[in-house]
Amino acid sequence: MNSAIIKRSVVVAGKKTSVSLEDTFWLALKEIAEQKRMALGEMLDTIADGRDNANMSSAVRQYVMQHFYSAAQPARPIVRPDFFLQSVAGA
């Protein structure tokens, strides 16, 4: 598996910026957006709105981790809901 971090140009809240993510996180983010029937830009806006002083790349990684952690543990509540995210909304 290639774990190289790739810088990608994106638009968040109408402004051009970049996120540096491994392919795994980028593909997972696109999959989540598709599952939620959201455009990727809309998903990034949601993540950006909920982040708390985290850089965008970190906020995306946290969002993806929380999404899949929650999906893997549907019957068990998260003991520490802030373990992955402090305030990223929509995860």
C-alpha atoms as a PDB file:
ATOM      1  CA  MET A   1       0.000   0.000   0.000  1.00  0.00           C
ATOM      2  CA  ASN A   2       1.320   3.409  -0.939  1.00  0.00           C
ATOM      3  CA  SER A   3       1.153   5.792   2.007  1.00  0.00           C
ATOM      4  CA  ALA A   4       2.596   8.831   0.268  1.00  0.00           C
ATOM      5  CA  ILE A   5       0.912  12.075   1.202  1.00  0.00           C
ATOM      6  CA  ILE A   6      -0.417  13.926  -1.813  1.00  0.00           C
ATOM      7  CA  LYS A   7      -1.322  17.612  -1.836  1.00  0.00           C
ATOM      8  CA  ARG A   8      -4.685  18.188  -3.513  1.00  0.00           C
ATOM      9  CA  SER A   9      -6.200  21.512  -4.498  1.00  0.00           C
ATOM     10  CA  VAL A  10      -9.754  21.936  -3.246  1.00  0.00           C
ATOM     11  CA  VAL A  11     -12.309  24.670  -2.696  1.00  0.00           C
ATOM     12  CA  VAL A  12     -13.562  25.090   0.867  1.00  0.00           C
ATOM     13  CA  ALA A  13     -16.142  27.731   1.712  1.00  0.00           C
ATOM     14  CA  GLY A  14     -15.597  29.277  -1.705  1.00  0.00           C
ATOM     15  CA  LYS A  15     -11.835  29.646  -1.235  1.00  0.00           C
ATOM     16  CA  LYS A  16      -9.076  27.706  -2.949  1.00  0.00           C
ATOM     17  CA  THR A  17      -6.889  25.775  -0.540  1.00  0.00           C
ATOM     18  CA  SER A  18      -5.118  22.456  -0.402  1.00  0.00           C
ATOM     19  CA  VAL A  19      -5.251  19.343   1.708  1.00  0.00           C
ATOM     20  CA  SER A  20      -2.395  16.912   2.087  1.00  0.00           C
ATOM     21  CA  LEU A  21      -3.781  13.405   2.440  1.00  0.00           C
ATOM     22  CA  GLU A  22      -2.821   9.829   1.823  1.00  0.00           C
ATOM     23  CA  ASP A  23      -4.740   8.148  -1.010  1.00  0.00           C
ATOM     24  CA  THR A  24      -6.557   5.973   1.537  1.00  0.00           C
ATOM     25  CA  PHE A  25      -8.088   8.973   3.275  1.00  0.00           C
ATOM     26  CA  TRP A  26      -8.901  10.746   0.011  1.00  0.00           C
ATOM     27  CA  LEU A  27     -10.686   7.689  -1.403  1.00  0.00           C
ATOM     28  CA  ALA A  28     -12.502   7.134   1.901  1.00  0.00           C
ATOM     29  CA  LEU A  29     -13.674  10.763   1.934  1.00  0.00           C
ATOM     30  CA  LYS A  30     -15.024  10.393  -1.600  1.00  0.00           C
ATOM     31  CA  GLU A  31     -16.807   7.179  -0.586  1.00  0.00           C
ATOM     32  CA  ILE A  32     -18.411   8.858   2.433  1.00  0.00           C
ATOM     33  CA  ALA A  33     -19.575  11.776   0.278  1.00  0.00           C
ATOM     34  CA  GLU A  34     -21.096   9.330  -2.188  1.00  0.00           C
ATOM     35  CA  GLN A  35     -22.841   7.374   0.593  1.00  0.00           C
ATOM     36  CA  LYS A  36     -24.290  10.600   1.970  1.00  0.00           C
ATOM     37  CA  ARG A  37     -25.182  11.798  -1.528  1.00  0.00           C
ATOM     38  CA  MET A  38     -23.131  14.932  -1.076  1.00  0.00           C
ATOM     39  CA  ALA A  39     -20.777  16.659  -3.454  1.00  0.00           C
ATOM     40  CA  LEU A  40     -17.172  16.418  -2.299  1.00  0.00           C
ATOM     41  CA  GLY A  41     -17.026  20.210  -1.938  1.00  0.00           C
ATOM     42  CA  GLU A  42     -20.125  20.165   0.238  1.00  0.00           C
ATOM     43  CA  MET A  43     -18.548  17.466   2.405  1.00  0.00           C
ATOM     44  CA  LEU A  44     -15.371  19.523   2.772  1.00  0.00           C
ATOM     45  CA  ASP A  45     -17.437  22.588   3.729  1.00  0.00           C
ATOM     46  CA  THR A  46     -19.190  20.543   6.433  1.00  0.00           C
ATOM     47  CA  ILE A  47     -15.865  19.344   7.812  1.00  0.00           C
ATOM     48  CA  ALA A  48     -14.401  22.863   7.712  1.00  0.00           C
ATOM     49  CA  ASP A  49     -17.422  24.305   9.523  1.00  0.00           C
ATOM     50  CA  GLY A  50     -17.006  21.841  12.375  1.00  0.00           C
ATOM     51  CA  ARG A  51     -13.265  21.899  12.880  1.00  0.00           C
ATOM     52  CA  ASP A  52     -11.772  23.472  15.948  1.00  0.00           C
ATOM     53  CA  ASN A  53      -8.380  24.980  15.172  1.00  0.00           C
ATOM     54  CA  ALA A  54      -7.279  21.814  13.367  1.00  0.00           C
ATOM     55  CA  ASN A  55      -5.770  22.203   9.948  1.00  0.00           C
ATOM     56  CA  MET A  56      -7.996  20.969   7.150  1.00  0.00           C
ATOM     57  CA  SER A  57      -5.945  17.857   6.421  1.00  0.00           C
ATOM     58  CA  SER A  58      -6.146  16.757  10.061  1.00  0.00           C
ATOM     59  CA  ALA A  59      -9.854  17.541  10.228  1.00  0.00           C
ATOM     60  CA  VAL A  60     -10.492  15.351   7.159  1.00  0.00           C
ATOM     61  CA  ARG A  61      -8.523  12.450   8.650  1.00  0.00           C
ATOM     62  CA  GLN A  62     -10.440  12.779  11.933  1.00  0.00           C
ATOM     63  CA  TYR A  63     -13.766  12.915  10.101  1.00  0.00           C
ATOM     64  CA  VAL A  64     -12.973   9.785   8.080  1.00  0.00           C
ATOM     65  CA  MET A  65     -11.769   7.886  11.163  1.00  0.00           C
ATOM     66  CA  GLN A  66     -14.870   8.836  13.157  1.00  0.00           C
ATOM     67  CA  HIS A  67     -17.164   7.832  10.293  1.00  0.00           C
ATOM     68  CA  PHE A  68     -15.697   4.347   9.939  1.00  0.00           C
ATOM     69  CA  TYR A  69     -15.234   3.849  13.671  1.00  0.00           C
ATOM     70  CA  SER A  70     -18.901   4.637  14.222  1.00  0.00           C
ATOM     71  CA  ALA A  71     -19.940   2.336  11.390  1.00  0.00           C
ATOM     72  CA  ALA A  72     -17.876  -0.512  12.845  1.00  0.00           C
ATOM     73  CA  GLN A  73     -19.354  -0.073  16.329  1.00  0.00           C
ATOM     74  CA  PRO A  74     -23.114   0.424  15.724  1.00  0.00           C
ATOM     75  CA  ALA A  75     -24.272  -1.395  18.858  1.00  0.00           C
ATOM     76  CA  ARG A  76     -21.602  -0.051  21.185  1.00  0.00           C
ATOM     77  CA  PRO A  77     -21.591   3.628  22.144  1.00  0.00           C
ATOM     78  CA  ILE A  78     -18.301   5.427  21.893  1.00  0.00           C
ATOM     79  CA  VAL A  79     -16.929   5.688  25.400  1.00  0.00           C
ATOM     80  CA  ARG A  80     -15.116   8.888  24.570  1.00  0.00           C
ATOM     81  CA  PRO A  81     -16.974  10.624  21.715  1.00  0.00           C
ATOM     82  CA  ASP A  82     -14.208  13.198  21.516  1.00  0.00           C
ATOM     83  CA  PHE A  83     -11.536  10.537  21.002  1.00  0.00           C
ATOM     84  CA  PHE A  84     -11.351  11.186  17.255  1.00  0.00           C
ATOM     85  CA  LEU A  85     -13.150  14.491  16.962  1.00  0.00           C
ATOM     86  CA  GLN A  86     -13.658  17.386  19.242  1.00  0.00           C
ATOM     87  CA  SER A  87     -16.125  19.288  17.085  1.00  0.00           C
ATOM     88  CA  VAL A  88     -16.151  18.063  13.480  1.00  0.00           C
ATOM     89  CA  ALA A  89     -19.831  18.107  12.669  1.00  0.00           C
ATOM     90  CA  GLY A  90     -21.617  15.532  10.566  1.00  0.00           C
ATOM     91  CA  ALA A  91     -19.370  12.577  11.286  1.00  0.00           C
END
